[in-house]
Every structure is written in structure tokens, then in C-alpha cells.
N, C-alpha and C. Protein backbone atom coordinates (compact mmCIF):
# COMPACT_ATOMS: atom_id res chain seq x y z
N MET A 1 -13.05 -18.88 -24.80
CA MET A 1 -12.63 -17.98 -23.73
C MET A 1 -13.09 -18.57 -22.40
N SER A 2 -12.45 -18.22 -21.35
CA SER A 2 -12.79 -18.73 -20.03
C SER A 2 -14.23 -18.42 -19.68
N GLU A 3 -14.73 -19.13 -18.66
CA GLU A 3 -16.11 -18.92 -18.24
C GLU A 3 -16.29 -17.65 -17.40
N ILE A 4 -15.23 -16.91 -17.17
CA ILE A 4 -15.30 -15.67 -16.41
C ILE A 4 -15.88 -14.57 -17.30
N LEU A 5 -16.87 -13.84 -16.78
CA LEU A 5 -17.43 -12.72 -17.51
C LEU A 5 -17.04 -11.44 -16.79
N ILE A 6 -16.43 -10.53 -17.53
CA ILE A 6 -16.05 -9.26 -16.95
C ILE A 6 -16.62 -8.13 -17.80
N THR A 7 -16.76 -6.97 -17.19
CA THR A 7 -17.29 -5.81 -17.90
C THR A 7 -16.19 -5.18 -18.75
N LYS A 8 -16.57 -4.23 -19.59
CA LYS A 8 -15.61 -3.51 -20.43
C LYS A 8 -14.57 -2.80 -19.56
N ARG A 9 -15.04 -2.15 -18.49
CA ARG A 9 -14.11 -1.45 -17.60
C ARG A 9 -13.14 -2.42 -16.92
N GLU A 10 -13.66 -3.56 -16.49
CA GLU A 10 -12.80 -4.56 -15.86
C GLU A 10 -11.79 -5.09 -16.87
N ARG A 11 -12.24 -5.30 -18.11
CA ARG A 11 -11.34 -5.77 -19.16
C ARG A 11 -10.24 -4.74 -19.41
N ASP A 12 -10.63 -3.47 -19.53
CA ASP A 12 -9.63 -2.41 -19.77
C ASP A 12 -8.64 -2.33 -18.61
N CYS A 13 -9.13 -2.52 -17.41
CA CYS A 13 -8.27 -2.50 -16.23
C CYS A 13 -7.30 -3.68 -16.25
N LEU A 14 -7.81 -4.86 -16.57
CA LEU A 14 -6.95 -6.05 -16.64
C LEU A 14 -5.88 -5.88 -17.72
N LEU A 15 -6.26 -5.31 -18.85
CA LEU A 15 -5.29 -5.06 -19.91
C LEU A 15 -4.21 -4.09 -19.43
N ALA A 16 -4.62 -3.00 -18.78
CA ALA A 16 -3.66 -2.00 -18.28
C ALA A 16 -2.73 -2.61 -17.24
N ILE A 17 -3.25 -3.44 -16.36
CA ILE A 17 -2.42 -4.06 -15.32
C ILE A 17 -1.37 -4.95 -15.97
N ASN A 18 -1.81 -5.79 -16.91
CA ASN A 18 -0.88 -6.71 -17.56
C ASN A 18 0.15 -5.99 -18.42
N GLU A 19 -0.25 -4.92 -19.07
CA GLU A 19 0.66 -4.22 -19.98
C GLU A 19 1.60 -3.26 -19.25
N ASN A 20 1.27 -2.88 -18.02
CA ASN A 20 2.08 -1.88 -17.33
C ASN A 20 2.78 -2.39 -16.08
N SER A 21 2.56 -3.63 -15.69
CA SER A 21 3.28 -4.15 -14.54
C SER A 21 4.44 -5.01 -15.03
N LYS A 22 5.52 -4.91 -14.34
CA LYS A 22 6.72 -5.68 -14.67
C LYS A 22 6.74 -6.92 -13.79
N SER A 23 7.49 -7.92 -14.19
CA SER A 23 7.53 -9.15 -13.41
C SER A 23 8.07 -8.92 -12.00
N ASP A 24 9.00 -7.97 -11.87
CA ASP A 24 9.58 -7.70 -10.55
C ASP A 24 8.97 -6.49 -9.85
N PHE A 25 8.14 -5.72 -10.57
CA PHE A 25 7.54 -4.55 -9.95
C PHE A 25 6.10 -4.37 -10.44
N PRO A 26 5.14 -4.45 -9.54
CA PRO A 26 3.73 -4.31 -9.93
C PRO A 26 3.37 -2.85 -10.22
N ILE A 27 2.18 -2.66 -10.75
CA ILE A 27 1.69 -1.31 -11.02
C ILE A 27 1.02 -0.77 -9.76
N ARG A 28 1.20 0.52 -9.51
CA ARG A 28 0.55 1.15 -8.35
C ARG A 28 -0.88 1.52 -8.71
N LEU A 29 -1.74 1.51 -7.72
CA LEU A 29 -3.15 1.83 -7.91
C LEU A 29 -3.30 3.24 -8.50
N SER A 30 -2.52 4.19 -8.00
CA SER A 30 -2.62 5.57 -8.50
C SER A 30 -2.21 5.65 -9.98
N ASP A 31 -1.19 4.89 -10.37
CA ASP A 31 -0.77 4.88 -11.78
C ASP A 31 -1.85 4.24 -12.65
N LEU A 32 -2.46 3.18 -12.15
CA LEU A 32 -3.54 2.52 -12.88
C LEU A 32 -4.70 3.48 -13.11
N ALA A 33 -5.08 4.21 -12.07
CA ALA A 33 -6.16 5.19 -12.18
C ALA A 33 -5.81 6.25 -13.23
N ASN A 34 -4.56 6.71 -13.25
CA ASN A 34 -4.14 7.70 -14.26
C ASN A 34 -4.21 7.13 -15.67
N ILE A 35 -3.76 5.90 -15.84
CA ILE A 35 -3.79 5.26 -17.17
C ILE A 35 -5.22 5.13 -17.67
N LEU A 36 -6.11 4.72 -16.79
CA LEU A 36 -7.51 4.51 -17.18
C LEU A 36 -8.32 5.81 -17.19
N GLU A 37 -7.69 6.89 -16.70
CA GLU A 37 -8.33 8.19 -16.61
C GLU A 37 -9.61 8.14 -15.76
N ILE A 38 -9.45 7.51 -14.59
CA ILE A 38 -10.53 7.42 -13.61
C ILE A 38 -9.96 7.79 -12.25
N LYS A 39 -10.85 8.01 -11.29
CA LYS A 39 -10.40 8.36 -9.94
C LYS A 39 -9.93 7.10 -9.21
N PRO A 40 -8.97 7.25 -8.29
CA PRO A 40 -8.45 6.09 -7.56
C PRO A 40 -9.52 5.24 -6.86
N PRO A 41 -10.57 5.82 -6.23
CA PRO A 41 -11.58 4.95 -5.62
C PRO A 41 -12.31 4.06 -6.64
N THR A 42 -12.52 4.60 -7.84
CA THR A 42 -13.15 3.81 -8.90
C THR A 42 -12.22 2.69 -9.33
N ALA A 43 -10.94 3.01 -9.49
CA ALA A 43 -9.95 1.99 -9.86
C ALA A 43 -9.88 0.91 -8.78
N LEU A 44 -9.94 1.31 -7.52
CA LEU A 44 -9.91 0.35 -6.43
C LEU A 44 -11.10 -0.60 -6.48
N ASN A 45 -12.29 -0.07 -6.77
CA ASN A 45 -13.48 -0.92 -6.88
C ASN A 45 -13.34 -1.94 -8.00
N ILE A 46 -12.79 -1.51 -9.12
CA ILE A 46 -12.59 -2.43 -10.24
C ILE A 46 -11.57 -3.49 -9.88
N VAL A 47 -10.48 -3.07 -9.23
CA VAL A 47 -9.44 -4.01 -8.82
C VAL A 47 -10.00 -5.02 -7.81
N LYS A 48 -10.87 -4.57 -6.91
CA LYS A 48 -11.50 -5.48 -5.94
C LYS A 48 -12.31 -6.55 -6.67
N ARG A 49 -13.07 -6.13 -7.69
CA ARG A 49 -13.88 -7.10 -8.45
C ARG A 49 -12.98 -8.10 -9.18
N LEU A 50 -11.91 -7.60 -9.78
CA LEU A 50 -10.97 -8.49 -10.47
C LEU A 50 -10.27 -9.43 -9.48
N SER A 51 -10.00 -8.92 -8.30
CA SER A 51 -9.38 -9.73 -7.26
C SER A 51 -10.32 -10.85 -6.80
N GLU A 52 -11.60 -10.53 -6.65
CA GLU A 52 -12.60 -11.53 -6.27
C GLU A 52 -12.71 -12.64 -7.31
N LEU A 53 -12.45 -12.30 -8.57
CA LEU A 53 -12.48 -13.29 -9.65
C LEU A 53 -11.17 -14.06 -9.75
N GLY A 54 -10.18 -13.64 -8.96
CA GLY A 54 -8.89 -14.31 -8.97
C GLY A 54 -7.98 -13.91 -10.12
N LEU A 55 -8.25 -12.74 -10.72
CA LEU A 55 -7.46 -12.29 -11.87
C LEU A 55 -6.29 -11.39 -11.50
N VAL A 56 -6.38 -10.72 -10.34
CA VAL A 56 -5.30 -9.85 -9.88
C VAL A 56 -5.14 -10.00 -8.37
N ARG A 57 -3.97 -9.54 -7.89
CA ARG A 57 -3.70 -9.46 -6.46
C ARG A 57 -3.39 -8.02 -6.12
N ASN A 58 -3.98 -7.53 -5.06
CA ASN A 58 -3.72 -6.16 -4.61
C ASN A 58 -3.04 -6.25 -3.25
N GLU A 59 -1.79 -5.86 -3.22
CA GLU A 59 -1.02 -5.90 -1.97
C GLU A 59 -0.59 -4.48 -1.63
N ARG A 60 -1.33 -3.84 -0.74
CA ARG A 60 -1.04 -2.48 -0.29
C ARG A 60 -0.90 -1.48 -1.44
N GLY A 61 -1.87 -1.52 -2.33
CA GLY A 61 -1.87 -0.57 -3.44
C GLY A 61 -0.98 -0.94 -4.61
N MET A 62 -0.34 -2.09 -4.52
CA MET A 62 0.51 -2.58 -5.61
C MET A 62 -0.23 -3.76 -6.24
N ILE A 63 -0.50 -3.66 -7.55
CA ILE A 63 -1.37 -4.63 -8.21
C ILE A 63 -0.59 -5.46 -9.20
N ARG A 64 -0.77 -6.76 -9.09
CA ARG A 64 -0.14 -7.72 -9.99
C ARG A 64 -1.21 -8.64 -10.57
N PRO A 65 -1.02 -9.07 -11.81
CA PRO A 65 -1.93 -10.09 -12.34
C PRO A 65 -1.57 -11.45 -11.74
N THR A 66 -2.57 -12.28 -11.52
CA THR A 66 -2.32 -13.65 -11.09
C THR A 66 -2.05 -14.49 -12.35
N GLU A 67 -1.70 -15.75 -12.16
CA GLU A 67 -1.51 -16.64 -13.32
C GLU A 67 -2.80 -16.71 -14.13
N LYS A 68 -3.90 -16.82 -13.42
CA LYS A 68 -5.22 -16.87 -14.07
C LYS A 68 -5.48 -15.57 -14.83
N GLY A 69 -5.07 -14.44 -14.26
CA GLY A 69 -5.23 -13.15 -14.91
C GLY A 69 -4.41 -13.03 -16.17
N VAL A 70 -3.21 -13.58 -16.16
CA VAL A 70 -2.34 -13.55 -17.34
C VAL A 70 -2.94 -14.41 -18.45
N VAL A 71 -3.46 -15.57 -18.08
CA VAL A 71 -4.11 -16.45 -19.06
C VAL A 71 -5.31 -15.75 -19.68
N TYR A 72 -6.14 -15.12 -18.86
CA TYR A 72 -7.32 -14.42 -19.35
C TYR A 72 -6.91 -13.26 -20.25
N TYR A 73 -5.87 -12.53 -19.87
CA TYR A 73 -5.33 -11.43 -20.68
C TYR A 73 -4.91 -11.95 -22.05
N LYS A 74 -4.20 -13.06 -22.08
CA LYS A 74 -3.74 -13.63 -23.35
C LYS A 74 -4.91 -14.06 -24.22
N GLU A 75 -5.98 -14.56 -23.60
CA GLU A 75 -7.18 -14.93 -24.35
C GLU A 75 -7.83 -13.71 -24.99
N ILE A 76 -7.91 -12.63 -24.23
CA ILE A 76 -8.49 -11.39 -24.76
C ILE A 76 -7.68 -10.92 -25.97
N ILE A 77 -6.37 -10.88 -25.83
CA ILE A 77 -5.48 -10.43 -26.91
C ILE A 77 -5.60 -11.35 -28.12
N TYR A 78 -5.63 -12.66 -27.87
CA TYR A 78 -5.74 -13.63 -28.96
C TYR A 78 -7.01 -13.41 -29.77
N HIS A 79 -8.15 -13.30 -29.09
CA HIS A 79 -9.42 -13.11 -29.79
C HIS A 79 -9.44 -11.78 -30.54
N HIS A 80 -8.86 -10.76 -29.95
CA HIS A 80 -8.78 -9.47 -30.63
C HIS A 80 -7.95 -9.60 -31.91
N ARG A 81 -6.81 -10.27 -31.83
CA ARG A 81 -5.93 -10.41 -32.99
C ARG A 81 -6.60 -11.22 -34.10
N VAL A 82 -7.32 -12.28 -33.73
CA VAL A 82 -8.00 -13.09 -34.74
C VAL A 82 -9.02 -12.24 -35.50
N LEU A 83 -9.85 -11.50 -34.76
CA LEU A 83 -10.83 -10.64 -35.42
C LEU A 83 -10.16 -9.57 -36.26
N GLU A 84 -9.10 -9.01 -35.74
CA GLU A 84 -8.36 -7.97 -36.46
C GLU A 84 -7.82 -8.51 -37.79
N CYS A 85 -7.26 -9.72 -37.77
CA CYS A 85 -6.73 -10.33 -38.99
C CYS A 85 -7.83 -10.63 -40.01
N ILE A 86 -8.96 -11.13 -39.51
CA ILE A 86 -10.08 -11.41 -40.41
C ILE A 86 -10.54 -10.13 -41.10
N LEU A 87 -10.67 -9.07 -40.32
CA LEU A 87 -11.11 -7.79 -40.89
C LEU A 87 -10.07 -7.24 -41.88
N LYS A 88 -8.81 -7.31 -41.50
CA LYS A 88 -7.74 -6.79 -42.35
C LYS A 88 -7.68 -7.56 -43.67
N ASN A 89 -7.80 -8.89 -43.59
CA ASN A 89 -7.77 -9.72 -44.79
C ASN A 89 -9.02 -9.55 -45.65
N SER A 90 -10.06 -8.98 -45.06
CA SER A 90 -11.29 -8.70 -45.81
C SER A 90 -11.26 -7.33 -46.47
N GLY A 91 -10.14 -6.62 -46.31
CA GLY A 91 -9.99 -5.34 -46.97
C GLY A 91 -10.19 -4.12 -46.10
N VAL A 92 -10.41 -4.32 -44.80
CA VAL A 92 -10.59 -3.20 -43.88
C VAL A 92 -9.22 -2.63 -43.55
N ASP A 93 -9.13 -1.32 -43.48
CA ASP A 93 -7.89 -0.61 -43.14
C ASP A 93 -7.34 -1.17 -41.82
N GLU A 94 -6.01 -1.19 -41.70
CA GLU A 94 -5.34 -1.77 -40.52
C GLU A 94 -5.79 -1.13 -39.20
N VAL A 95 -5.81 0.19 -39.17
CA VAL A 95 -6.20 0.90 -37.94
C VAL A 95 -7.68 0.65 -37.64
N LYS A 96 -8.50 0.74 -38.69
CA LYS A 96 -9.93 0.54 -38.50
C LYS A 96 -10.24 -0.90 -38.08
N SER A 97 -9.48 -1.87 -38.59
CA SER A 97 -9.72 -3.26 -38.23
C SER A 97 -9.45 -3.48 -36.74
N CYS A 98 -8.47 -2.78 -36.17
CA CYS A 98 -8.19 -2.87 -34.74
C CYS A 98 -9.35 -2.31 -33.93
N VAL A 99 -9.82 -1.14 -34.33
CA VAL A 99 -10.94 -0.49 -33.63
C VAL A 99 -12.19 -1.34 -33.74
N GLU A 100 -12.46 -1.86 -34.94
CA GLU A 100 -13.66 -2.68 -35.15
C GLU A 100 -13.58 -4.00 -34.38
N ALA A 101 -12.40 -4.60 -34.31
CA ALA A 101 -12.24 -5.85 -33.55
C ALA A 101 -12.58 -5.62 -32.09
N ARG A 102 -12.10 -4.52 -31.54
CA ARG A 102 -12.39 -4.18 -30.14
C ARG A 102 -13.89 -4.00 -29.95
N SER A 103 -14.51 -3.28 -30.87
CA SER A 103 -15.94 -3.02 -30.79
C SER A 103 -16.75 -4.32 -30.91
N LEU A 104 -16.34 -5.20 -31.83
CA LEU A 104 -17.05 -6.47 -32.01
C LEU A 104 -17.00 -7.33 -30.76
N ILE A 105 -15.82 -7.38 -30.14
CA ILE A 105 -15.68 -8.17 -28.92
C ILE A 105 -16.58 -7.62 -27.83
N ILE A 106 -16.58 -6.31 -27.65
CA ILE A 106 -17.41 -5.69 -26.62
C ILE A 106 -18.88 -5.95 -26.88
N ASN A 107 -19.33 -5.74 -28.13
CA ASN A 107 -20.73 -5.95 -28.48
C ASN A 107 -21.15 -7.41 -28.31
N PHE A 108 -20.28 -8.32 -28.74
CA PHE A 108 -20.59 -9.74 -28.61
C PHE A 108 -20.76 -10.13 -27.15
N LEU A 109 -19.80 -9.74 -26.32
CA LEU A 109 -19.87 -10.10 -24.90
C LEU A 109 -21.07 -9.45 -24.21
N THR A 110 -21.35 -8.20 -24.56
CA THR A 110 -22.48 -7.50 -23.96
C THR A 110 -23.79 -8.20 -24.32
N ASN A 111 -23.97 -8.51 -25.61
CA ASN A 111 -25.20 -9.18 -26.05
C ASN A 111 -25.32 -10.58 -25.47
N TRP A 112 -24.19 -11.30 -25.43
CA TRP A 112 -24.21 -12.65 -24.87
C TRP A 112 -24.60 -12.61 -23.40
N LEU A 113 -24.04 -11.64 -22.67
CA LEU A 113 -24.34 -11.52 -21.24
C LEU A 113 -25.81 -11.20 -21.02
N LYS A 114 -26.37 -10.30 -21.85
CA LYS A 114 -27.79 -9.96 -21.73
C LYS A 114 -28.66 -11.19 -21.97
N LYS A 115 -28.34 -11.96 -23.02
CA LYS A 115 -29.11 -13.17 -23.33
C LYS A 115 -28.99 -14.18 -22.20
N TRP A 116 -27.79 -14.31 -21.66
CA TRP A 116 -27.57 -15.25 -20.57
C TRP A 116 -28.39 -14.86 -19.35
N LYS A 117 -28.39 -13.55 -19.02
CA LYS A 117 -29.16 -13.07 -17.87
C LYS A 117 -30.65 -13.28 -18.10
N ASN A 118 -31.14 -13.02 -19.33
CA ASN A 118 -32.55 -13.24 -19.64
C ASN A 118 -32.92 -14.71 -19.53
N THR A 119 -32.04 -15.58 -19.98
CA THR A 119 -32.27 -17.02 -19.87
C THR A 119 -32.35 -17.42 -18.41
N GLN A 120 -31.44 -16.89 -17.61
CA GLN A 120 -31.44 -17.20 -16.18
C GLN A 120 -32.74 -16.71 -15.54
N ALA A 121 -33.18 -15.51 -15.91
CA ALA A 121 -34.41 -14.96 -15.35
C ALA A 121 -35.60 -15.81 -15.76
N THR A 122 -35.65 -16.25 -17.02
CA THR A 122 -36.75 -17.08 -17.50
C THR A 122 -36.75 -18.42 -16.78
N LEU A 123 -35.59 -19.04 -16.65
CA LEU A 123 -35.51 -20.31 -15.93
C LEU A 123 -35.92 -20.15 -14.48
N GLY A 124 -35.50 -19.05 -13.88
CA GLY A 124 -35.87 -18.78 -12.49
C GLY A 124 -37.38 -18.63 -12.34
N SER A 125 -38.01 -17.96 -13.29
CA SER A 125 -39.47 -17.78 -13.25
C SER A 125 -40.18 -19.11 -13.40
N VAL A 126 -39.70 -19.95 -14.31
CA VAL A 126 -40.30 -21.27 -14.53
C VAL A 126 -40.17 -22.11 -13.27
N LEU A 127 -38.99 -22.10 -12.67
CA LEU A 127 -38.78 -22.87 -11.45
C LEU A 127 -39.67 -22.37 -10.32
N MET A 128 -39.82 -21.06 -10.20
CA MET A 128 -40.64 -20.47 -9.16
C MET A 128 -42.11 -20.87 -9.34
N VAL A 129 -42.60 -20.81 -10.58
CA VAL A 129 -44.00 -21.18 -10.86
C VAL A 129 -44.21 -22.65 -10.57
N SER A 130 -43.27 -23.51 -10.98
CA SER A 130 -43.44 -24.94 -10.75
C SER A 130 -43.40 -25.26 -9.26
N ARG A 131 -42.61 -24.55 -8.48
CA ARG A 131 -42.58 -24.75 -7.03
C ARG A 131 -43.90 -24.35 -6.41
N LEU A 132 -44.45 -23.22 -6.86
CA LEU A 132 -45.74 -22.76 -6.33
C LEU A 132 -46.85 -23.75 -6.64
N LYS A 133 -46.83 -24.31 -7.86
CA LYS A 133 -47.85 -25.29 -8.25
C LYS A 133 -47.72 -26.54 -7.42
N SER A 134 -46.50 -26.99 -7.18
CA SER A 134 -46.30 -28.22 -6.41
C SER A 134 -46.70 -28.04 -4.95
N ARG A 135 -46.59 -26.84 -4.41
CA ARG A 135 -47.00 -26.57 -3.03
C ARG A 135 -48.52 -26.57 -2.89
N ARG A 136 -49.20 -26.15 -3.94
CA ARG A 136 -50.66 -26.08 -3.88
C ARG A 136 -51.31 -27.45 -3.90
N ARG A 137 -50.63 -28.43 -4.43
CA ARG A 137 -51.21 -29.78 -4.57
C ARG A 137 -51.22 -30.51 -3.29
């Protein structure tokens, strides 16, 4: 998957944008908020974050996925389908395999992000201590 890390809400928003916008007509911010069952200001904040990552474009309340956003969307769907097929072929009910695949992806990304942040914090602490020691000498 791409090196972009997004939250569950951002992922759900990206999925909704890709699934509900047409090539000739983008999705409106108010429609997106209704689909996600959130308030428009919350939807706008999520869209801003996705826009900063280069995954969507917001032009006067009309939201379209960028090429990068479409690629990322396809990666999300691909990974979901792979997990879903593995679960289904292992004997898990079709509906349950879809739900479990979604849950596995969310849990994996959440845990990976936590580990990555902890690693960054540890490295930052080590660098800070080594800088302090070198200044004292």
C-alpha cells in the first residue's frame, strides 16, 4: 500500500467520494456529510486533510478524487478483497468475511501506526540524549 497513512474516518470519506462521484459530476460536500452521517463542518475538515495529502480536490464544495486518490482507493479495495477471499476460502460466511476483512485492515493499520509513532518517539529521545551529551563535552 502507498506510504500515505490515513485514519478510519479519512478512509471512509475517500471511499464515499470515489463511490459517489461521477467522472463528469463530483460529489457535493453536503451529500458527503449525509452519506457519512456527520455534520458538514466535520466533513469539510476531513476533506481538507485528504486534500493536503493530494487525494481529493475541493472546488467550491464540489469534491473529486485526484488520480492519486483513485489509486489509493483501488489499493484499499484490493486489500479488502484479498482478505475477504482468504476468510471466505477458510470457511467464514460471506457477509462475515467482508466485515472481518474491514476490521482486520483497520486494526492492522491502527497497530502499525501506533508502533511507528512509538519508534519515532524512541528515536527522537535517543537523538535528543545524544545531542545533549555531545554538547556537554
